[in-house]
């Protein structure tokens, strides 16, 4: 009888642990509400709008040149093709590195850190303008 109670106790604990794990697994990280999506979209679009302003402004360089003078509305930036070989630099680079190359060279400005809010805004705007275009890393 004592052995059966012990076995029953072990099985009961096992079932409880299994139930807890099942509840945790059924609540996934990608479960979110409509309000979450609305808030995240609003935050994203705020950053895109800031990137739009920066892209069309000469504030990033020292020579009054803006990104849109070479890339109207980010139309020919082709973020979907990065990482890729970039002949100006002579190696495979990311879009972040290409943006910094443009800041240093055509705009005669200073490079931005990857986590600089201005870089995040520029990249968000560039990607937003090309939304819906299939990814094609390495394409020239």
N, C-alpha and C. Protein backbone atom coordinates (compact mmCIF):
# COMPACT_ATOMS: atom_id res chain seq x y z
N UNK A 1 0.82 -1.19 0.00
CA UNK A 1 0.00 0.00 0.00
C UNK A 1 0.86 1.25 0.00
N UNK A 2 1.94 1.21 0.80
CA UNK A 2 2.83 2.35 0.89
C UNK A 2 3.48 2.64 -0.46
N UNK A 3 3.86 1.62 -1.19
CA UNK A 3 4.47 1.77 -2.51
C UNK A 3 3.50 2.36 -3.51
N UNK A 4 2.20 1.98 -3.42
CA UNK A 4 1.20 2.51 -4.33
C UNK A 4 0.97 4.00 -4.07
N UNK A 5 0.98 4.41 -2.80
CA UNK A 5 0.80 5.83 -2.46
C UNK A 5 1.97 6.65 -3.00
N UNK A 6 3.17 6.09 -2.87
CA UNK A 6 4.36 6.78 -3.34
C UNK A 6 4.29 6.93 -4.86
N UNK A 7 3.93 5.85 -5.54
CA UNK A 7 3.81 5.89 -6.99
C UNK A 7 2.74 6.88 -7.42
N UNK A 8 1.59 6.89 -6.71
CA UNK A 8 0.52 7.83 -7.00
C UNK A 8 1.01 9.27 -6.82
N UNK A 9 1.75 9.52 -5.75
CA UNK A 9 2.29 10.86 -5.48
C UNK A 9 3.24 11.32 -6.58
N UNK A 10 4.11 10.41 -7.04
CA UNK A 10 5.05 10.74 -8.12
C UNK A 10 4.28 11.04 -9.40
N UNK A 11 3.27 10.21 -9.71
CA UNK A 11 2.47 10.45 -10.91
C UNK A 11 1.72 11.78 -10.82
N UNK A 12 1.18 12.10 -9.65
CA UNK A 12 0.46 13.34 -9.45
C UNK A 12 1.38 14.55 -9.64
N UNK A 13 2.57 14.48 -9.08
CA UNK A 13 3.55 15.56 -9.26
C UNK A 13 3.92 15.69 -10.75
N UNK A 14 4.11 14.56 -11.40
CA UNK A 14 4.44 14.57 -12.83
C UNK A 14 3.34 15.22 -13.65
N UNK A 15 2.09 14.92 -13.35
CA UNK A 15 0.96 15.52 -14.05
C UNK A 15 0.90 17.03 -13.81
N UNK A 16 1.17 17.44 -12.58
CA UNK A 16 1.14 18.87 -12.25
C UNK A 16 2.25 19.62 -13.00
N UNK A 17 3.45 19.05 -13.02
CA UNK A 17 4.56 19.67 -13.74
C UNK A 17 4.23 19.74 -15.23
N UNK A 18 3.67 18.67 -15.76
CA UNK A 18 3.29 18.63 -17.17
C UNK A 18 2.25 19.71 -17.48
N UNK A 19 1.29 19.89 -16.60
CA UNK A 19 0.24 20.91 -16.80
C UNK A 19 0.85 22.31 -16.80
N UNK A 20 1.76 22.56 -15.87
CA UNK A 20 2.40 23.88 -15.79
C UNK A 20 3.22 24.14 -17.06
N UNK A 21 4.00 23.15 -17.49
CA UNK A 21 4.80 23.31 -18.70
C UNK A 21 3.93 23.53 -19.92
N UNK A 22 2.82 22.82 -20.01
CA UNK A 22 1.91 22.98 -21.14
C UNK A 22 1.33 24.39 -21.16
N UNK A 23 0.96 24.92 -19.99
CA UNK A 23 0.42 26.28 -19.92
C UNK A 23 1.49 27.28 -20.36
N UNK A 24 2.74 27.11 -19.92
CA UNK A 24 3.81 28.03 -20.30
C UNK A 24 4.09 27.95 -21.79
N UNK A 25 4.08 26.77 -22.36
CA UNK A 25 4.37 26.61 -23.77
C UNK A 25 3.24 27.14 -24.65
N UNK A 26 2.00 27.07 -24.15
CA UNK A 26 0.88 27.55 -24.96
C UNK A 26 0.83 29.07 -24.98
N UNK A 27 1.50 29.74 -24.06
CA UNK A 27 1.60 31.20 -24.06
C UNK A 27 2.93 31.56 -24.69
N UNK A 28 2.93 31.69 -26.02
CA UNK A 28 4.17 31.91 -26.76
C UNK A 28 4.54 33.39 -26.80
N UNK A 29 5.80 33.62 -27.13
CA UNK A 29 6.30 34.99 -27.22
C UNK A 29 5.63 35.78 -28.33
N UNK A 30 5.10 35.08 -29.35
CA UNK A 30 4.47 35.81 -30.45
C UNK A 30 2.96 35.99 -30.26
N UNK A 31 2.46 35.72 -29.06
CA UNK A 31 1.07 36.00 -28.74
C UNK A 31 0.98 37.47 -28.35
N UNK A 32 0.18 38.25 -29.08
CA UNK A 32 0.02 39.65 -28.74
C UNK A 32 -1.37 40.10 -29.13
N UNK A 33 -1.77 41.22 -28.55
CA UNK A 33 -3.12 41.74 -28.74
C UNK A 33 -3.15 42.75 -29.88
N UNK A 34 -4.35 43.10 -30.26
CA UNK A 34 -4.55 44.14 -31.28
C UNK A 34 -3.94 45.46 -30.80
N UNK A 35 -4.08 45.73 -29.50
CA UNK A 35 -3.51 46.95 -28.94
C UNK A 35 -1.98 46.95 -29.03
N UNK A 36 -1.38 45.78 -28.82
CA UNK A 36 0.08 45.66 -28.97
C UNK A 36 0.49 46.05 -30.38
N UNK A 37 -0.20 45.48 -31.37
CA UNK A 37 0.13 45.73 -32.77
C UNK A 37 -0.05 47.22 -33.10
N UNK A 38 -1.12 47.80 -32.63
CA UNK A 38 -1.37 49.22 -32.88
C UNK A 38 -0.27 50.09 -32.26
N UNK A 39 0.13 49.78 -31.03
CA UNK A 39 1.18 50.55 -30.35
C UNK A 39 2.51 50.39 -31.08
N UNK A 40 2.85 49.17 -31.45
CA UNK A 40 4.12 48.90 -32.13
C UNK A 40 4.16 49.58 -33.50
N UNK A 41 3.03 49.54 -34.22
CA UNK A 41 2.96 50.18 -35.53
C UNK A 41 3.13 51.69 -35.38
N UNK A 42 2.48 52.26 -34.38
CA UNK A 42 2.61 53.71 -34.14
C UNK A 42 4.07 54.07 -33.83
N UNK A 43 4.71 53.30 -32.97
CA UNK A 43 6.11 53.55 -32.62
C UNK A 43 7.00 53.43 -33.86
N UNK A 44 6.79 52.38 -34.66
CA UNK A 44 7.57 52.17 -35.87
C UNK A 44 7.40 53.34 -36.84
N UNK A 45 6.17 53.76 -37.06
CA UNK A 45 5.91 54.84 -38.00
C UNK A 45 6.49 56.17 -37.50
N UNK A 46 6.57 56.37 -36.21
CA UNK A 46 7.23 57.56 -35.66
C UNK A 46 8.70 57.57 -36.05
N UNK A 47 9.35 56.41 -35.96
CA UNK A 47 10.76 56.29 -36.34
C UNK A 47 10.91 56.44 -37.85
N UNK A 48 10.01 55.86 -38.64
CA UNK A 48 10.06 56.00 -40.10
C UNK A 48 9.94 57.48 -40.49
N UNK A 49 9.04 58.19 -39.85
CA UNK A 49 8.86 59.63 -40.16
C UNK A 49 10.11 60.42 -39.83
N UNK A 50 10.78 60.08 -38.74
CA UNK A 50 12.04 60.75 -38.39
C UNK A 50 13.09 60.43 -39.45
N UNK A 51 13.14 59.19 -39.90
CA UNK A 51 14.07 58.81 -40.96
C UNK A 51 13.78 59.54 -42.26
N UNK A 52 12.52 59.72 -42.58
CA UNK A 52 12.10 60.47 -43.76
C UNK A 52 12.65 61.89 -43.69
N UNK A 53 12.49 62.52 -42.53
CA UNK A 53 13.00 63.89 -42.35
C UNK A 53 14.52 63.94 -42.54
N UNK A 54 15.22 63.01 -41.89
CA UNK A 54 16.68 62.98 -41.99
C UNK A 54 17.13 62.73 -43.43
N UNK A 55 16.47 61.82 -44.10
CA UNK A 55 16.83 61.44 -45.47
C UNK A 55 16.72 62.63 -46.42
N UNK A 56 15.78 63.51 -46.14
CA UNK A 56 15.53 64.67 -47.01
C UNK A 56 16.14 65.96 -46.45
N UNK A 57 17.03 65.82 -45.50
CA UNK A 57 17.66 66.97 -44.85
C UNK A 57 19.17 66.94 -45.09
N UNK A 58 19.78 68.09 -45.09
CA UNK A 58 21.23 68.15 -45.24
C UNK A 58 21.93 68.18 -43.88
N UNK A 59 21.20 67.86 -42.82
CA UNK A 59 21.76 67.95 -41.46
C UNK A 59 22.79 66.87 -41.12
N UNK A 60 22.86 65.81 -41.90
CA UNK A 60 23.79 64.72 -41.60
C UNK A 60 25.20 64.94 -42.15
N UNK A 61 25.33 65.89 -43.04
CA UNK A 61 26.64 66.16 -43.64
C UNK A 61 27.09 67.57 -43.39
N UNK A 62 28.23 67.89 -43.97
CA UNK A 62 28.81 69.22 -43.78
C UNK A 62 28.79 70.04 -45.07
N UNK A 63 28.22 69.51 -46.13
CA UNK A 63 28.29 70.17 -47.43
C UNK A 63 26.93 70.47 -48.07
N UNK A 64 25.89 70.48 -47.27
CA UNK A 64 24.53 70.81 -47.75
C UNK A 64 23.93 69.76 -48.67
N UNK A 65 24.50 68.55 -48.70
CA UNK A 65 23.98 67.46 -49.52
C UNK A 65 23.07 66.59 -48.64
N UNK A 66 21.98 66.10 -49.21
CA UNK A 66 21.09 65.20 -48.48
C UNK A 66 21.02 63.86 -49.20
N UNK A 67 20.60 62.84 -48.49
CA UNK A 67 20.51 61.49 -49.06
C UNK A 67 19.63 61.45 -50.31
N UNK A 68 18.53 62.20 -50.27
CA UNK A 68 17.57 62.13 -51.37
C UNK A 68 18.07 62.76 -52.66
N UNK A 69 19.18 63.46 -52.62
CA UNK A 69 19.73 64.02 -53.86
C UNK A 69 20.24 62.90 -54.78
N UNK A 70 20.73 61.83 -54.18
CA UNK A 70 21.15 60.66 -54.98
C UNK A 70 20.09 59.56 -54.99
N UNK A 71 19.28 59.52 -53.96
CA UNK A 71 18.30 58.44 -53.78
C UNK A 71 16.91 59.02 -53.51
N UNK A 72 16.22 59.58 -54.53
CA UNK A 72 14.89 60.14 -54.29
C UNK A 72 13.97 59.12 -53.61
N UNK A 73 13.42 59.50 -52.48
CA UNK A 73 12.50 58.65 -51.70
C UNK A 73 13.05 57.26 -51.41
N UNK A 74 14.34 57.16 -51.33
CA UNK A 74 15.02 55.88 -51.03
C UNK A 74 14.73 54.82 -52.09
N UNK A 75 14.27 55.25 -53.25
CA UNK A 75 13.84 54.32 -54.29
C UNK A 75 14.95 53.43 -54.82
N UNK A 76 16.17 53.93 -54.90
CA UNK A 76 17.24 53.11 -55.46
C UNK A 76 18.30 52.74 -54.43
N UNK A 77 17.90 52.62 -53.19
CA UNK A 77 18.83 52.18 -52.15
C UNK A 77 18.89 50.66 -52.08
N UNK A 78 17.87 49.98 -52.49
CA UNK A 78 17.79 48.52 -52.57
C UNK A 78 18.23 47.80 -51.30
N UNK A 79 17.60 48.09 -50.17
CA UNK A 79 17.98 47.42 -48.92
C UNK A 79 17.79 45.91 -48.97
N UNK A 80 16.90 45.46 -49.85
CA UNK A 80 16.63 44.02 -49.94
C UNK A 80 17.81 43.24 -50.51
N UNK A 81 18.81 43.93 -51.08
CA UNK A 81 19.95 43.25 -51.69
C UNK A 81 21.15 43.11 -50.74
N UNK A 82 21.05 43.70 -49.56
CA UNK A 82 22.16 43.61 -48.58
C UNK A 82 21.97 42.43 -47.67
N UNK A 83 23.08 41.84 -47.19
CA UNK A 83 24.48 42.13 -47.48
C UNK A 83 24.83 41.77 -48.92
N UNK A 84 25.79 42.52 -49.47
CA UNK A 84 26.25 42.28 -50.83
C UNK A 84 27.64 42.88 -51.03
N UNK A 85 28.29 42.49 -52.12
CA UNK A 85 29.58 43.06 -52.47
C UNK A 85 29.34 44.48 -52.95
N UNK A 86 30.07 45.42 -52.37
CA UNK A 86 29.93 46.82 -52.74
C UNK A 86 31.26 47.31 -53.29
N UNK A 87 31.28 47.66 -54.56
CA UNK A 87 32.56 47.97 -55.22
C UNK A 87 33.26 49.19 -54.61
N UNK A 88 32.51 50.18 -54.10
CA UNK A 88 33.14 51.34 -53.49
C UNK A 88 34.01 50.96 -52.28
N UNK A 89 33.62 49.89 -51.60
CA UNK A 89 34.30 49.48 -50.39
C UNK A 89 35.20 48.26 -50.63
N UNK A 90 34.86 47.47 -51.64
CA UNK A 90 35.69 46.35 -52.02
C UNK A 90 35.47 45.07 -51.25
N UNK A 91 34.31 44.94 -50.61
CA UNK A 91 34.00 43.72 -49.87
C UNK A 91 32.49 43.63 -49.67
N UNK A 92 32.06 42.50 -49.12
CA UNK A 92 30.64 42.33 -48.79
C UNK A 92 30.34 43.15 -47.54
N UNK A 93 29.29 43.96 -47.62
CA UNK A 93 28.93 44.83 -46.50
C UNK A 93 27.42 44.78 -46.24
N UNK A 94 27.03 45.35 -45.12
CA UNK A 94 25.62 45.49 -44.76
C UNK A 94 25.12 46.87 -45.20
N UNK A 95 23.82 47.05 -45.17
CA UNK A 95 23.23 48.34 -45.50
C UNK A 95 23.72 49.41 -44.52
N UNK A 96 23.85 49.06 -43.27
CA UNK A 96 24.37 49.99 -42.25
C UNK A 96 25.72 50.55 -42.68
N UNK A 97 26.60 49.67 -43.15
CA UNK A 97 27.93 50.11 -43.59
C UNK A 97 27.84 51.00 -44.82
N UNK A 98 26.92 50.70 -45.72
CA UNK A 98 26.77 51.52 -46.93
C UNK A 98 26.24 52.90 -46.57
N UNK A 99 25.30 52.97 -45.65
CA UNK A 99 24.78 54.27 -45.22
C UNK A 99 25.93 55.09 -44.62
N UNK A 100 26.76 54.47 -43.80
CA UNK A 100 27.89 55.21 -43.22
C UNK A 100 28.88 55.63 -44.30
N UNK A 101 29.10 54.81 -45.32
CA UNK A 101 29.97 55.21 -46.42
C UNK A 101 29.42 56.47 -47.08
N UNK A 102 28.12 56.49 -47.32
CA UNK A 102 27.49 57.67 -47.93
C UNK A 102 27.59 58.89 -47.03
N UNK A 103 27.41 58.69 -45.73
CA UNK A 103 27.52 59.82 -44.80
C UNK A 103 28.93 60.41 -44.84
N UNK A 104 29.94 59.55 -44.86
CA UNK A 104 31.34 60.01 -44.85
C UNK A 104 31.77 60.62 -46.18
N UNK A 105 31.31 60.07 -47.28
CA UNK A 105 31.82 60.46 -48.59
C UNK A 105 30.93 61.50 -49.28
N UNK A 106 29.83 61.15 -49.92
CA UNK A 106 29.05 62.19 -50.60
C UNK A 106 28.58 63.31 -49.66
N UNK A 107 28.19 62.98 -48.42
CA UNK A 107 27.68 64.00 -47.51
C UNK A 107 28.79 64.69 -46.69
N UNK A 108 30.00 64.11 -46.71
CA UNK A 108 31.13 64.65 -45.94
C UNK A 108 30.78 64.84 -44.47
N UNK A 109 30.06 63.85 -43.92
CA UNK A 109 29.66 63.91 -42.52
C UNK A 109 30.36 62.84 -41.71
N UNK A 110 29.91 62.67 -40.49
CA UNK A 110 30.47 61.67 -39.59
C UNK A 110 29.63 60.41 -39.62
N UNK A 111 30.28 59.24 -39.49
CA UNK A 111 29.52 57.99 -39.45
C UNK A 111 28.68 57.93 -38.17
N UNK A 112 27.66 57.12 -38.21
CA UNK A 112 26.77 56.93 -37.06
C UNK A 112 26.93 55.53 -36.51
N UNK A 113 26.81 55.39 -35.21
CA UNK A 113 26.83 54.07 -34.58
C UNK A 113 25.55 53.32 -34.97
N UNK A 114 25.61 52.01 -34.93
CA UNK A 114 24.46 51.18 -35.30
C UNK A 114 23.24 51.48 -34.44
N UNK A 115 23.47 51.81 -33.16
CA UNK A 115 22.34 52.07 -32.26
C UNK A 115 22.00 53.56 -32.14
N UNK A 116 22.63 54.39 -32.95
CA UNK A 116 22.28 55.82 -32.95
C UNK A 116 20.84 55.94 -33.45
N UNK A 117 19.99 56.66 -32.74
CA UNK A 117 18.59 56.79 -33.18
C UNK A 117 18.45 57.32 -34.61
N UNK A 118 19.40 58.12 -35.06
CA UNK A 118 19.34 58.62 -36.43
C UNK A 118 19.60 57.50 -37.44
N UNK A 119 20.55 56.61 -37.12
CA UNK A 119 20.80 55.47 -38.01
C UNK A 119 19.60 54.54 -38.03
N UNK A 120 19.04 54.27 -36.87
CA UNK A 120 17.85 53.41 -36.79
C UNK A 120 16.72 54.02 -37.63
N UNK A 121 16.55 55.34 -37.53
CA UNK A 121 15.49 56.02 -38.28
C UNK A 121 15.76 55.96 -39.78
N UNK A 122 17.00 56.19 -40.19
CA UNK A 122 17.33 56.11 -41.62
C UNK A 122 17.06 54.72 -42.17
N UNK A 123 17.52 53.70 -41.46
CA UNK A 123 17.31 52.32 -41.92
C UNK A 123 15.83 51.96 -41.93
N UNK A 124 15.08 52.41 -40.93
CA UNK A 124 13.64 52.14 -40.90
C UNK A 124 12.95 52.77 -42.11
N UNK A 125 13.31 54.01 -42.41
CA UNK A 125 12.72 54.70 -43.57
C UNK A 125 13.08 53.99 -44.88
N UNK A 126 14.36 53.67 -45.04
CA UNK A 126 14.81 53.01 -46.27
C UNK A 126 14.08 51.68 -46.47
N UNK A 127 13.99 50.88 -45.41
CA UNK A 127 13.29 49.59 -45.52
C UNK A 127 11.80 49.80 -45.75
N UNK A 128 11.21 50.79 -45.09
CA UNK A 128 9.79 51.05 -45.25
C UNK A 128 9.46 51.42 -46.70
N UNK A 129 10.29 52.23 -47.31
CA UNK A 129 10.06 52.64 -48.70
C UNK A 129 10.12 51.46 -49.67
N UNK A 130 10.83 50.41 -49.29
CA UNK A 130 10.98 49.24 -50.16
C UNK A 130 10.13 48.05 -49.67
N UNK A 131 9.19 48.30 -48.79
CA UNK A 131 8.36 47.22 -48.26
C UNK A 131 7.66 46.50 -49.40
N UNK A 132 7.56 45.19 -49.25
CA UNK A 132 6.91 44.37 -50.25
C UNK A 132 7.84 43.83 -51.32
N UNK A 133 9.07 44.37 -51.39
CA UNK A 133 10.03 43.88 -52.38
C UNK A 133 10.68 42.63 -51.81
N UNK A 134 10.73 41.54 -52.56
CA UNK A 134 11.32 40.30 -52.03
C UNK A 134 12.80 40.47 -51.66
N UNK A 135 13.23 39.79 -50.62
CA UNK A 135 14.63 39.79 -50.23
C UNK A 135 15.47 39.17 -51.34
N UNK A 136 16.64 39.77 -51.59
CA UNK A 136 17.54 39.25 -52.63
C UNK A 136 18.98 39.53 -52.22
N UNK A 137 19.43 39.02 -51.04
CA UNK A 137 20.79 39.29 -50.59
C UNK A 137 21.82 38.91 -51.65
N UNK A 138 22.83 39.77 -51.79
CA UNK A 138 23.90 39.50 -52.73
C UNK A 138 23.63 40.00 -54.14
N UNK A 139 22.41 40.43 -54.42
CA UNK A 139 22.08 40.91 -55.76
C UNK A 139 22.74 42.27 -55.98
N UNK A 140 23.23 42.49 -57.17
CA UNK A 140 23.90 43.76 -57.48
C UNK A 140 22.97 44.72 -58.16
